């Protein structure tokens, strides 16, 4: 029967072996053989083995000298004894044991540990990176997560100062944030509104509204109140007021900036042109003057009284001794 004994510090890693002496002992050539040095300690023979040898008398070759565990583990020689029939002293045999470093396996520690990222250790969509020349890993966390495996949530946006519907965006260090502003706002906390009525053209501040239009700033927009015949988003298009022939048939419309005037044919007046009732000279009083009045015009004859003329008419302006009357003879 073989009984294995792991010789550690008690035998000084097999570099020293003790042989019990019965009386006063001395070293002989056979005490430690040619592979060890003999010394007497406490009336006992102590064999200090040369490198590469182990055993009670340094008679066994140390298998660890061949580095069977490589660089991935520590090698320890194991002494075993076997009692054979007829033998007084047991026969020593030697083997080795590899104590593998972290992650390595196998009799000779030949099996390298799997890359740690193979098991996806990073949580919450974290990105796993195997460290160079080691069997450790590093997690690159995203969003508001931190920790070795990105398992710790840090809500830096819980008390953010973003204004005007700005969106809080956590920073990469998880301790800061930025505000993503809604269109029309700017600033560290989106606290400033962009004035769309102010634009920069070649270094000069101006307005997008043209032709003296009035610009009104809105949220992420603007509105132009156009003057006269101008239309369009920026009041950039001129519309000729004469395009719709406002003066009527036979008349000539003459545009005048934002307005127009009518050049009527003979016997017509007003805008639009209409028959002139004064052609027949209805005012008979000597010295009176006939004044044509357009349809829809307001005529006032007496204080606090205003008449709306329903159709083209006239007023006779009489001599100063008589008050004026409409459609009457002086």
C-alpha atoms as a PDB file:
ATOM      1  CA  UNK A   1       0.000   0.000   0.000  1.00  0.00           C
ATOM      2  CA  UNK A   2       1.315   3.418  -0.997  1.00  0.00           C
ATOM      3  CA  UNK A   3       0.867   6.329   1.423  1.00  0.00           C
ATOM      4  CA  UNK A   4       1.484   9.761  -0.072  1.00  0.00           C
ATOM      5  CA  UNK A   5       2.935  12.455   2.150  1.00  0.00           C
ATOM      6  CA  UNK A   6       3.112  16.117   1.059  1.00  0.00           C
ATOM      7  CA  UNK A   7       6.404  17.397   2.483  1.00  0.00           C
ATOM      8  CA  UNK A   8       6.105  21.151   3.095  1.00  0.00           C
ATOM      9  CA  UNK A   9       7.675  23.352   5.762  1.00  0.00           C
ATOM     10  CA  UNK A  10       8.153  20.492   8.203  1.00  0.00           C
ATOM     11  CA  UNK A  11      10.881  19.096   5.941  1.00  0.00           C
ATOM     12  CA  UNK A  12      12.043  22.467   4.592  1.00  0.00           C
ATOM     13  CA  UNK A  13      10.451  21.619   1.240  1.00  0.00           C
ATOM     14  CA  UNK A  14      12.360  18.345   1.120  1.00  0.00           C
ATOM     15  CA  UNK A  15      15.669  20.225   0.919  1.00  0.00           C
ATOM     16  CA  UNK A  16      16.529  18.858   4.385  1.00  0.00           C
ATOM     17  CA  UNK A  17      15.762  15.386   5.739  1.00  0.00           C
ATOM     18  CA  UNK A  18      16.241  14.151   9.270  1.00  0.00           C
ATOM     19  CA  UNK A  19      17.417  10.608  10.123  1.00  0.00           C
ATOM     20  CA  UNK A  20      16.828   9.685  13.749  1.00  0.00           C
ATOM     21  CA  UNK A  21      19.989   8.536  15.530  1.00  0.00           C
ATOM     22  CA  UNK A  22      20.053   6.054  18.365  1.00  0.00           C
ATOM     23  CA  UNK A  23      23.207   7.340  19.990  1.00  0.00           C
ATOM     24  CA  UNK A  24      26.002   9.704  19.189  1.00  0.00           C
ATOM     25  CA  UNK A  25      26.003   9.763  15.420  1.00  0.00           C
ATOM     26  CA  UNK A  26      28.423  10.942  12.785  1.00  0.00           C
ATOM     27  CA  UNK A  27      28.063  11.628   9.084  1.00  0.00           C
ATOM     28  CA  UNK A  28      29.257   8.941   6.684  1.00  0.00           C
ATOM     29  CA  UNK A  29      29.500   8.807   2.939  1.00  0.00           C
ATOM     30  CA  UNK A  30      26.186   6.995   2.797  1.00  0.00           C
ATOM     31  CA  UNK A  31      24.320   9.331   5.107  1.00  0.00           C
ATOM     32  CA  UNK A  32      23.152  11.727   2.367  1.00  0.00           C
ATOM     33  CA  UNK A  33      24.733  10.206  -0.717  1.00  0.00           C
ATOM     34  CA  UNK A  34      26.398  12.270  -3.391  1.00  0.00           C
ATOM     35  CA  UNK A  35      23.401  14.603  -3.840  1.00  0.00           C
ATOM     36  CA  UNK A  36      23.333  16.087  -0.358  1.00  0.00           C
ATOM     37  CA  UNK A  37      25.422  17.527   2.435  1.00  0.00           C
ATOM     38  CA  UNK A  38      25.315  15.871   5.864  1.00  0.00           C
ATOM     39  CA  UNK A  39      25.073  17.800   9.118  1.00  0.00           C
ATOM     40  CA  UNK A  40      24.380  16.817  12.726  1.00  0.00           C
ATOM     41  CA  UNK A  41      21.636  18.720  14.509  1.00  0.00           C
ATOM     42  CA  UNK A  42      20.289  17.684  17.912  1.00  0.00           C
ATOM     43  CA  UNK A  43      22.109  14.328  17.587  1.00  0.00           C
ATOM     44  CA  UNK A  44      20.376  13.641  14.282  1.00  0.00           C
ATOM     45  CA  UNK A  45      21.621  13.502  10.715  1.00  0.00           C
ATOM     46  CA  UNK A  46      20.323  16.334   8.574  1.00  0.00           C
ATOM     47  CA  UNK A  47      20.648  16.037   4.802  1.00  0.00           C
ATOM     48  CA  UNK A  48      20.653  19.301   2.864  1.00  0.00           C
ATOM     49  CA  UNK A  49      19.866  18.272  -0.716  1.00  0.00           C
ATOM     50  CA  UNK A  50      21.418  19.841  -3.731  1.00  0.00           C
ATOM     51  CA  UNK A  51      19.063  21.608  -6.199  1.00  0.00           C
ATOM     52  CA  UNK A  52      17.114  19.051  -8.193  1.00  0.00           C
ATOM     53  CA  UNK A  53      17.054  16.328  -5.524  1.00  0.00           C
ATOM     54  CA  UNK A  54      14.708  15.344  -2.695  1.00  0.00           C
ATOM     55  CA  UNK A  55      14.186  12.401  -0.372  1.00  0.00           C
ATOM     56  CA  UNK A  56      15.316  11.420   3.112  1.00  0.00           C
ATOM     57  CA  UNK A  57      18.847  10.891   1.745  1.00  0.00           C
ATOM     58  CA  UNK A  58      18.557  13.193  -1.327  1.00  0.00           C
ATOM     59  CA  UNK A  59      18.385  10.057  -3.420  1.00  0.00           C
ATOM     60  CA  UNK A  60      15.349  11.054  -5.518  1.00  0.00           C
ATOM     61  CA  UNK A  61      15.308  13.341  -8.542  1.00  0.00           C
ATOM     62  CA  UNK A  62      13.067  16.390  -7.914  1.00  0.00           C
ATOM     63  CA  UNK A  63      10.457  16.395 -10.702  1.00  0.00           C
ATOM     64  CA  UNK A  64       9.716  20.093 -10.019  1.00  0.00           C
ATOM     65  CA  UNK A  65      13.148  20.968 -11.392  1.00  0.00           C
ATOM     66  CA  UNK A  66      11.702  20.285 -14.850  1.00  0.00           C
ATOM     67  CA  UNK A  67       9.057  23.002 -14.209  1.00  0.00           C
ATOM     68  CA  UNK A  68       6.085  20.763 -15.075  1.00  0.00           C
ATOM     69  CA  UNK A  69       3.631  23.471 -13.919  1.00  0.00           C
ATOM     70  CA  UNK A  70       5.087  26.071 -16.251  1.00  0.00           C
ATOM     71  CA  UNK A  71       4.486  29.685 -15.311  1.00  0.00           C
ATOM     72  CA  UNK A  72       0.826  29.139 -14.458  1.00  0.00           C
ATOM     73  CA  UNK A  73       1.283  27.366 -11.128  1.00  0.00           C
ATOM     74  CA  UNK A  74       3.620  26.442  -8.261  1.00  0.00           C
ATOM     75  CA  UNK A  75       5.156  22.946  -8.185  1.00  0.00           C
ATOM     76  CA  UNK A  76       5.461  20.923  -4.961  1.00  0.00           C
ATOM     77  CA  UNK A  77       7.235  17.509  -4.814  1.00  0.00           C
ATOM     78  CA  UNK A  78       5.247  14.769  -3.077  1.00  0.00           C
ATOM     79  CA  UNK A  79       7.121  11.952  -1.284  1.00  0.00           C
ATOM     80  CA  UNK A  80       5.340   8.631  -0.989  1.00  0.00           C
ATOM     81  CA  UNK A  81       6.533   5.498   0.795  1.00  0.00           C
ATOM     82  CA  UNK A  82       5.864   1.864   0.033  1.00  0.00           C
ATOM     83  CA  UNK A  83       6.390  -1.037   2.437  1.00  0.00           C
ATOM     84  CA  UNK A  84       7.478  -4.171   0.556  1.00  0.00           C
ATOM     85  CA  UNK A  85       7.672  -7.686   2.020  1.00  0.00           C
ATOM     86  CA  UNK A  86      11.137  -8.449   3.361  1.00  0.00           C
ATOM     87  CA  UNK A  87      12.173  -4.778   3.369  1.00  0.00           C
ATOM     88  CA  UNK A  88      13.080  -3.229   6.727  1.00  0.00           C
ATOM     89  CA  UNK A  89      12.823   0.378   5.566  1.00  0.00           C
ATOM     90  CA  UNK A  90      10.025   1.601   3.290  1.00  0.00           C
ATOM     91  CA  UNK A  91      10.897   2.553  -0.283  1.00  0.00           C
ATOM     92  CA  UNK A  92      10.508   6.252  -1.066  1.00  0.00           C
ATOM     93  CA  UNK A  93       8.987   7.445  -4.336  1.00  0.00           C
ATOM     94  CA  UNK A  94       8.428  11.000  -5.536  1.00  0.00           C
ATOM     95  CA  UNK A  95       5.790  12.705  -7.648  1.00  0.00           C
ATOM     96  CA  UNK A  96       4.685  16.328  -7.930  1.00  0.00           C
ATOM     97  CA  UNK A  97       1.596  18.461  -7.464  1.00  0.00           C
ATOM     98  CA  UNK A  98       0.798  21.699  -9.305  1.00  0.00           C
ATOM     99  CA  UNK A  99      -1.005  24.360  -7.322  1.00  0.00           C
ATOM    100  CA  UNK A 100      -2.444  26.451 -10.159  1.00  0.00           C
ATOM    101  CA  UNK A 101      -2.696  30.188 -10.087  1.00  0.00           C
ATOM    102  CA  UNK A 102      -6.127  31.830 -10.211  1.00  0.00           C
ATOM    103  CA  UNK A 103      -8.168  30.710 -13.186  1.00  0.00           C
ATOM    104  CA  UNK A 104      -5.751  28.043 -14.484  1.00  0.00           C
ATOM    105  CA  UNK A 105      -6.664  24.353 -14.362  1.00  0.00           C
ATOM    106  CA  UNK A 106      -5.249  20.976 -15.387  1.00  0.00           C
ATOM    107  CA  UNK A 107      -2.610  18.605 -13.950  1.00  0.00           C
ATOM    108  CA  UNK A 108       0.094  20.918 -15.241  1.00  0.00           C
ATOM    109  CA  UNK A 109      -1.981  24.142 -15.037  1.00  0.00           C
ATOM    110  CA  UNK A 110      -2.019  24.039 -18.806  1.00  0.00           C
ATOM    111  CA  UNK A 111      -5.631  25.209 -19.192  1.00  0.00           C
ATOM    112  CA  UNK A 112      -5.891  28.981 -19.321  1.00  0.00           C
ATOM    113  CA  UNK A 113      -8.982  30.579 -17.798  1.00  0.00           C
ATOM    114  CA  UNK A 114     -11.706  31.650 -20.182  1.00  0.00           C
ATOM    115  CA  UNK A 115     -11.816  35.313 -21.110  1.00  0.00           C
ATOM    116  CA  UNK A 116     -14.029  36.924 -18.463  1.00  0.00           C
ATOM    117  CA  UNK A 117     -16.039  38.825 -21.065  1.00  0.00           C
ATOM    118  CA  UNK A 118     -17.259  35.514 -22.503  1.00  0.00           C
ATOM    119  CA  UNK A 119     -19.781  35.318 -19.680  1.00  0.00           C
ATOM    120  CA  UNK A 120     -21.077  38.868 -20.285  1.00  0.00           C
ATOM    121  CA  UNK A 121     -20.446  40.140 -16.750  1.00  0.00           C
ATOM    122  CA  UNK A 122     -21.383  43.753 -17.541  1.00  0.00           C
ATOM    123  CA  UNK A 123     -24.979  44.638 -16.712  1.00  0.00           C
ATOM    124  CA  UNK A 124     -27.359  47.234 -18.151  1.00  0.00           C
ATOM    125  CA  UNK A 125     -25.869  47.183 -21.671  1.00  0.00           C
ATOM    126  CA  UNK A 126     -22.360  47.854 -20.374  1.00  0.00           C
ATOM    127  CA  UNK A 127     -19.488  47.048 -22.754  1.00  0.00           C
ATOM    128  CA  UNK A 128     -17.000  44.445 -21.486  1.00  0.00           C
ATOM    129  CA  UNK A 129     -13.283  44.850 -22.258  1.00  0.00           C
ATOM    130  CA  UNK A 130     -10.732  42.109 -21.437  1.00  0.00           C
ATOM    131  CA  UNK A 131      -7.656  43.619 -19.810  1.00  0.00           C
ATOM    132  CA  UNK A 132      -4.394  43.061 -21.675  1.00  0.00           C
ATOM    133  CA  UNK A 133      -2.180  40.223 -20.445  1.00  0.00           C
ATOM    134  CA  UNK A 134      -4.523  39.423 -17.573  1.00  0.00           C
ATOM    135  CA  UNK A 135      -7.683  37.549 -16.860  1.00  0.00           C
ATOM    136  CA  UNK A 136      -9.571  40.491 -15.482  1.00  0.00           C
ATOM    137  CA  UNK A 137     -12.099  42.694 -17.249  1.00  0.00           C
ATOM    138  CA  UNK A 138     -13.328  46.262 -17.312  1.00  0.00           C
ATOM    139  CA  UNK A 139     -16.909  47.420 -17.935  1.00  0.00           C
ATOM    140  CA  UNK A 140     -17.612  50.594 -19.897  1.00  0.00           C
ATOM    141  CA  UNK A 141     -20.962  51.618 -18.449  1.00  0.00           C
ATOM    142  CA  UNK A 142     -23.597  53.536 -20.400  1.00  0.00           C
ATOM    143  CA  UNK A 143     -26.367  55.829 -19.261  1.00  0.00           C
ATOM    144  CA  UNK A 144     -26.640  56.416 -15.544  1.00  0.00           C
ATOM    145  CA  UNK A 145     -24.938  53.213 -14.408  1.00  0.00           C
ATOM    146  CA  UNK A 146     -21.595  52.692 -12.698  1.00  0.00           C
ATOM    147  CA  UNK A 147     -19.703  50.060 -10.695  1.00  0.00           C
ATOM    148  CA  UNK A 148     -17.423  47.203 -11.730  1.00  0.00           C
ATOM    149  CA  UNK A 149     -20.297  45.433 -13.479  1.00  0.00           C
ATOM    150  CA  UNK A 150     -22.423  48.564 -14.191  1.00  0.00           C
ATOM    151  CA  UNK A 151     -24.941  47.432 -11.607  1.00  0.00           C
ATOM    152  CA  UNK A 152     -25.212  50.700  -9.664  1.00  0.00           C
ATOM    153  CA  UNK A 153     -27.730  53.286 -10.894  1.00  0.00           C
ATOM    154  CA  UNK A 154     -26.894  56.975 -10.447  1.00  0.00           C
ATOM    155  CA  UNK A 155     -29.724  59.337 -11.338  1.00  0.00           C
ATOM    156  CA  UNK A 156     -27.909  62.640 -11.835  1.00  0.00           C
ATOM    157  CA  UNK A 157     -31.012  63.986 -13.577  1.00  0.00           C
ATOM    158  CA  UNK A 158     -33.280  63.553 -10.559  1.00  0.00           C
ATOM    159  CA  UNK A 159     -32.881  67.222  -9.625  1.00  0.00           C
ATOM    160  CA  UNK A 160     -31.758  68.730 -12.933  1.00  0.00           C
ATOM    161  CA  UNK A 161     -32.193  72.433 -13.726  1.00  0.00           C
ATOM    162  CA  UNK A 162     -33.163  72.111 -17.397  1.00  0.00           C
ATOM    163  CA  UNK A 163     -35.852  74.660 -18.310  1.00  0.00           C
ATOM    164  CA  UNK A 164     -38.356  75.044 -21.160  1.00  0.00           C
ATOM    165  CA  UNK A 165     -38.792  71.293 -21.682  1.00  0.00           C
ATOM    166  CA  UNK A 166     -35.046  70.741 -22.041  1.00  0.00           C
ATOM    167  CA  UNK A 167     -34.000  67.082 -21.720  1.00  0.00           C
ATOM    168  CA  UNK A 168     -31.394  66.082 -19.112  1.00  0.00           C
ATOM    169  CA  UNK A 169     -28.579  63.939 -20.573  1.00  0.00           C
ATOM    170  CA  UNK A 170     -26.228  62.211 -18.052  1.00  0.00           C
ATOM    171  CA  UNK A 171     -22.501  62.716 -18.679  1.00  0.00           C
ATOM    172  CA  UNK A 172     -20.022  59.909 -19.239  1.00  0.00           C
ATOM    173  CA  UNK A 173     -18.664  60.270 -15.699  1.00  0.00           C
ATOM    174  CA  UNK A 174     -22.195  59.785 -14.276  1.00  0.00           C
ATOM    175  CA  UNK A 175     -21.704  62.795 -11.992  1.00  0.00           C
ATOM    176  CA  UNK A 176     -22.625  65.587 -14.406  1.00  0.00           C
ATOM    177  CA  UNK A 177     -25.292  66.232 -16.993  1.00  0.00           C
ATOM    178  CA  UNK A 178     -26.084  68.509 -19.906  1.00  0.00           C
ATOM    179  CA  UNK A 179     -29.391  69.916 -21.098  1.00  0.00           C
ATOM    180  CA  UNK A 180     -30.513  69.095 -24.636  1.00  0.00           C
ATOM    181  CA  UNK A 181     -32.605  72.123 -25.547  1.00  0.00           C
ATOM    182  CA  UNK A 182     -35.857  72.127 -27.449  1.00  0.00           C
ATOM    183  CA  UNK A 183     -35.831  74.054 -30.717  1.00  0.00           C
ATOM    184  CA  UNK A 184     -36.021  77.759 -30.035  1.00  0.00           C
ATOM    185  CA  UNK A 185     -34.050  77.723 -26.756  1.00  0.00           C
ATOM    186  CA  UNK A 186     -30.381  77.790 -25.774  1.00  0.00           C
ATOM    187  CA  UNK A 187     -28.122  78.161 -22.746  1.00  0.00           C
ATOM    188  CA  UNK A 188     -26.630  75.834 -20.140  1.00  0.00           C
ATOM    189  CA  UNK A 189     -30.093  75.090 -18.788  1.00  0.00           C
ATOM    190  CA  UNK A 190     -32.080  76.048 -21.938  1.00  0.00           C
ATOM    191  CA  UNK A 191     -33.097  79.195 -20.074  1.00  0.00           C
ATOM    192  CA  UNK A 192     -32.756  81.552 -23.060  1.00  0.00           C
ATOM    193  CA  UNK A 193     -35.222  81.834 -25.919  1.00  0.00           C
ATOM    194  CA  UNK A 194     -33.842  82.402 -29.415  1.00  0.00           C
ATOM    195  CA  UNK A 195     -35.185  85.628 -30.949  1.00  0.00           C
ATOM    196  CA  UNK A 196     -36.049  84.514 -34.476  1.00  0.00           C
ATOM    197  CA  UNK A 197     -36.677  88.144 -35.416  1.00  0.00           C
ATOM    198  CA  UNK A 198     -32.938  88.813 -35.127  1.00  0.00           C
ATOM    199  CA  UNK A 199     -30.692  87.297 -37.778  1.00  0.00           C
ATOM    200  CA  UNK A 200     -27.101  88.045 -38.709  1.00  0.00           C
ATOM    201  CA  UNK A 201     -26.351  88.868 -42.325  1.00  0.00           C
ATOM    202  CA  UNK A 202     -22.678  89.496 -43.060  1.00  0.00           C
ATOM    203  CA  UNK A 203     -22.101  90.631 -39.497  1.00  0.00           C
ATOM    204  CA  UNK A 204     -25.117  92.952 -39.440  1.00  0.00           C
ATOM    205  CA  UNK A 205     -28.117  92.197 -37.258  1.00  0.00           C
ATOM    206  CA  UNK A 206     -31.377  92.496 -39.168  1.00  0.00           C
ATOM    207  CA  UNK A 207     -34.838  90.959 -39.349  1.00  0.00           C
ATOM    208  CA  UNK A 208     -36.125  88.254 -41.710  1.00  0.00           C
ATOM    209  CA  UNK A 209     -39.185  90.383 -42.517  1.00  0.00           C
ATOM    210  CA  UNK A 210     -38.716  92.551 -45.613  1.00  0.00           C
ATOM    211  CA  UNK A 211     -40.198  95.768 -46.973  1.00  0.00           C
ATOM    212  CA  UNK A 212     -40.645  97.441 -43.574  1.00  0.00           C
ATOM    213  CA  UNK A 213     -42.848  94.641 -42.270  1.00  0.00           C
ATOM    214  CA  UNK A 214     -43.242  94.166 -38.511  1.00  0.00           C
ATOM    215  CA  UNK A 215     -41.669  90.982 -37.065  1.00  0.00           C
ATOM    216  CA  UNK A 216     -43.215  89.144 -34.093  1.00  0.00           C
ATOM    217  CA  UNK A 217     -41.023  86.603 -32.282  1.00  0.00           C
ATOM    218  CA  UNK A 218     -42.680  83.244 -31.526  1.00  0.00           C
ATOM    219  CA  UNK A 219     -41.323  80.053 -29.939  1.00  0.00           C
ATOM    220  CA  UNK A 220     -39.046  78.530 -32.582  1.00  0.00           C
ATOM    221  CA  UNK A 221     -40.758  80.688 -35.222  1.00  0.00           C
ATOM    222  CA  UNK A 222     -41.645  84.245 -36.207  1.00  0.00           C
ATOM    223  CA  UNK A 223     -44.492  86.089 -37.928  1.00  0.00           C
ATOM    224  CA  UNK A 224     -44.243  88.967 -40.385  1.00  0.00           C
ATOM    225  CA  UNK A 225     -47.054  91.529 -40.539  1.00  0.00           C
ATOM    226  CA  UNK A 226     -46.799  92.842 -44.088  1.00  0.00           C
ATOM    227  CA  UNK A 227     -47.411  96.395 -45.247  1.00  0.00           C
ATOM    228  CA  UNK A 228     -49.600  97.317 -48.210  1.00  0.00           C
ATOM    229  CA  UNK A 229     -49.263  95.153 -51.294  1.00  0.00           C
ATOM    230  CA  UNK A 230     -46.564  92.815 -49.926  1.00  0.00           C
ATOM    231  CA  UNK A 231     -47.254  89.163 -49.123  1.00  0.00           C
ATOM    232  CA  UNK A 232     -45.275  85.997 -48.316  1.00  0.00           C
ATOM    233  CA  UNK A 233     -43.705  84.538 -45.196  1.00  0.00           C
ATOM    234  CA  UNK A 234     -41.147  87.350 -45.173  1.00  0.00           C
ATOM    235  CA  UNK A 235     -43.328  89.899 -47.031  1.00  0.00           C
ATOM    236  CA  UNK A 236     -40.949  89.472 -49.923  1.00  0.00           C
ATOM    237  CA  UNK A 237     -43.512  89.405 -52.755  1.00  0.00           C
ATOM    238  CA  UNK A 238     -45.021  92.612 -54.174  1.00  0.00           C
ATOM    239  CA  UNK A 239     -48.635  92.351 -55.373  1.00  0.00           C
ATOM    240  CA  UNK A 240     -49.651  95.199 -57.741  1.00  0.00           C
ATOM    241  CA  UNK A 241     -52.861  96.723 -56.344  1.00  0.00           C
ATOM    242  CA  UNK A 242     -54.037  97.279 -59.906  1.00  0.00           C
ATOM    243  CA  UNK A 243     -53.985  93.560 -60.766  1.00  0.00           C
ATOM    244  CA  UNK A 244     -57.684  93.147 -59.874  1.00  0.00           C
ATOM    245  CA  UNK A 245     -58.732  96.201 -61.935  1.00  0.00           C
ATOM    246  CA  UNK A 246     -60.213  98.080 -58.975  1.00  0.00           C
ATOM    247  CA  UNK A 247     -61.051 101.171 -61.065  1.00  0.00           C
ATOM    248  CA  UNK A 248     -63.631  99.478 -63.287  1.00  0.00           C
ATOM    249  CA  UNK A 249     -64.066  99.216 -67.048  1.00  0.00           C
ATOM    250  CA  UNK A 250     -62.693 101.984 -69.195  1.00  0.00           C
ATOM    251  CA  UNK A 251     -60.601 103.410 -66.373  1.00  0.00           C
ATOM    252  CA  UNK A 252     -56.847 103.425 -65.942  1.00  0.00           C
ATOM    253  CA  UNK A 253     -55.405 102.163 -62.621  1.00  0.00           C
ATOM    254  CA  UNK A 254     -52.122 103.698 -61.594  1.00  0.00           C
ATOM    255  CA  UNK A 255     -50.206 101.974 -58.759  1.00  0.00           C
ATOM    256  CA  UNK A 256     -48.683 104.311 -56.216  1.00  0.00           C
ATOM    257  CA  UNK A 257     -46.560 102.344 -53.744  1.00  0.00           C
ATOM    258  CA  UNK A 258     -48.912 100.689 -51.296  1.00  0.00           C
ATOM    259  CA  UNK A 259     -51.973 102.262 -52.924  1.00  0.00           C
ATOM    260  CA  UNK A 260     -53.384 103.282 -56.304  1.00  0.00           C
ATOM    261  CA  UNK A 261     -55.541 105.939 -57.911  1.00  0.00           C
ATOM    262  CA  UNK A 262     -58.016 105.737 -60.759  1.00  0.00           C
ATOM    263  CA  UNK A 263     -57.808 107.803 -63.916  1.00  0.00           C
ATOM    264  CA  UNK A 264     -61.476 107.822 -64.987  1.00  0.00           C
ATOM    265  CA  UNK A 265     -62.925 108.381 -68.448  1.00  0.00           C
ATOM    266  CA  UNK A 266     -64.853 111.576 -69.235  1.00  0.00           C
ATOM    267  CA  UNK A 267     -68.122 111.720 -67.311  1.00  0.00           C
ATOM    268  CA  UNK A 268     -66.888 109.413 -64.516  1.00  0.00           C
ATOM    269  CA  UNK A 269     -65.256 110.016 -61.124  1.00  0.00           C
ATOM    270  CA  UNK A 270     -64.208 108.237 -57.921  1.00  0.00           C
ATOM    271  CA  UNK A 271     -62.580 104.948 -57.111  1.00  0.00           C
ATOM    272  CA  UNK A 272     -63.855 102.811 -58.592  1.00  0.00           C
ATOM    273  CA  UNK A 273     -64.932 105.103 -61.437  1.00  0.00           C
ATOM    274  CA  UNK A 274     -68.695 105.829 -61.509  1.00  0.00           C
ATOM    275  CA  UNK A 275     -70.946 108.202 -63.494  1.00  0.00           C
ATOM    276  CA  UNK A 276     -70.491 111.838 -62.505  1.00  0.00           C
ATOM    277  CA  UNK A 277     -73.937 113.291 -61.536  1.00  0.00           C
ATOM    278  CA  UNK A 278     -72.593 116.816 -61.920  1.00  0.00           C
ATOM    279  CA  UNK A 279     -72.339 116.463 -65.708  1.00  0.00           C
ATOM    280  CA  UNK A 280     -75.945 117.651 -66.064  1.00  0.00           C
ATOM    281  CA  UNK A 281     -75.176 120.749 -63.932  1.00  0.00           C
ATOM    282  CA  UNK A 282     -78.005 120.199 -61.452  1.00  0.00           C
ATOM    283  CA  UNK A 283     -77.058 123.153 -59.228  1.00  0.00           C
ATOM    284  CA  UNK A 284     -78.994 126.140 -60.693  1.00  0.00           C
ATOM    285  CA  UNK A 285     -78.265 128.844 -58.156  1.00  0.00           C
ATOM    286  CA  UNK A 286     -75.824 131.323 -59.530  1.00  0.00           C
ATOM    287  CA  UNK A 287     -72.458 130.907 -57.894  1.00  0.00           C
ATOM    288  CA  UNK A 288     -73.181 127.394 -56.661  1.00  0.00           C
ATOM    289  CA  UNK A 289     -70.789 124.492 -57.211  1.00  0.00           C
ATOM    290  CA  UNK A 290     -71.695 120.860 -57.841  1.00  0.00           C
ATOM    291  CA  UNK A 291     -69.580 118.330 -55.926  1.00  0.00           C
ATOM    292  CA  UNK A 292     -70.007 114.638 -56.887  1.00  0.00           C
ATOM    293  CA  UNK A 293     -70.310 112.166 -53.986  1.00  0.00           C
ATOM    294  CA  UNK A 294     -69.341 108.501 -54.356  1.00  0.00           C
ATOM    295  CA  UNK A 295     -71.691 105.705 -53.401  1.00  0.00           C
ATOM    296  CA  UNK A 296     -71.089 104.717 -49.783  1.00  0.00           C
ATOM    297  CA  UNK A 297     -69.509 108.033 -48.869  1.00  0.00           C
ATOM    298  CA  UNK A 298     -70.377 109.655 -45.542  1.00  0.00           C
ATOM    299  CA  UNK A 299     -72.069 113.033 -45.839  1.00  0.00           C
ATOM    300  CA  UNK A 300     -72.740 115.359 -42.896  1.00  0.00           C
ATOM    301  CA  UNK A 301     -75.167 118.261 -43.244  1.00  0.00           C
ATOM    302  CA  UNK A 302     -75.973 119.207 -39.705  1.00  0.00           C
ATOM    303  CA  UNK A 303     -74.057 118.689 -36.454  1.00  0.00           C
ATOM    304  CA  UNK A 304     -74.192 115.155 -35.021  1.00  0.00           C
ATOM    305  CA  UNK A 305     -75.895 113.817 -38.151  1.00  0.00           C
ATOM    306  CA  UNK A 306     -74.123 111.692 -40.766  1.00  0.00           C
ATOM    307  CA  UNK A 307     -75.697 110.285 -43.922  1.00  0.00           C
ATOM    308  CA  UNK A 308     -74.375 107.295 -45.855  1.00  0.00           C
ATOM    309  CA  UNK A 309     -74.839 107.984 -49.533  1.00  0.00           C
ATOM    310  CA  UNK A 310     -76.420 104.839 -51.091  1.00  0.00           C
ATOM    311  CA  UNK A 311     -75.493 105.658 -54.681  1.00  0.00           C
ATOM    312  CA  UNK A 312     -73.476 108.196 -56.644  1.00  0.00           C
ATOM    313  CA  UNK A 313     -74.897 111.629 -55.912  1.00  0.00           C
ATOM    314  CA  UNK A 314     -73.834 115.225 -55.588  1.00  0.00           C
ATOM    315  CA  UNK A 315     -73.810 118.187 -53.277  1.00  0.00           C
ATOM    316  CA  UNK A 316     -74.520 121.703 -54.314  1.00  0.00           C
ATOM    317  CA  UNK A 317     -72.213 124.054 -52.514  1.00  0.00           C
ATOM    318  CA  UNK A 318     -74.311 127.241 -52.464  1.00  0.00           C
ATOM    319  CA  UNK A 319     -73.188 130.801 -51.910  1.00  0.00           C
ATOM    320  CA  UNK A 320     -72.165 131.579 -48.378  1.00  0.00           C
ATOM    321  CA  UNK A 321     -75.569 133.063 -47.550  1.00  0.00           C
ATOM    322  CA  UNK A 322     -77.222 129.679 -47.880  1.00  0.00           C
ATOM    323  CA  UNK A 323     -76.344 126.323 -46.236  1.00  0.00           C
ATOM    324  CA  UNK A 324     -75.313 123.450 -48.569  1.00  0.00           C
ATOM    325  CA  UNK A 325     -77.833 120.776 -49.347  1.00  0.00           C
ATOM    326  CA  UNK A 326     -77.427 117.445 -51.113  1.00  0.00           C
ATOM    327  CA  UNK A 327     -79.232 116.775 -54.381  1.00  0.00           C
ATOM    328  CA  UNK A 328     -81.208 119.994 -54.102  1.00  0.00           C
ATOM    329  CA  UNK A 329     -81.192 123.215 -55.961  1.00  0.00           C
ATOM    330  CA  UNK A 330     -79.759 126.167 -54.153  1.00  0.00           C
END
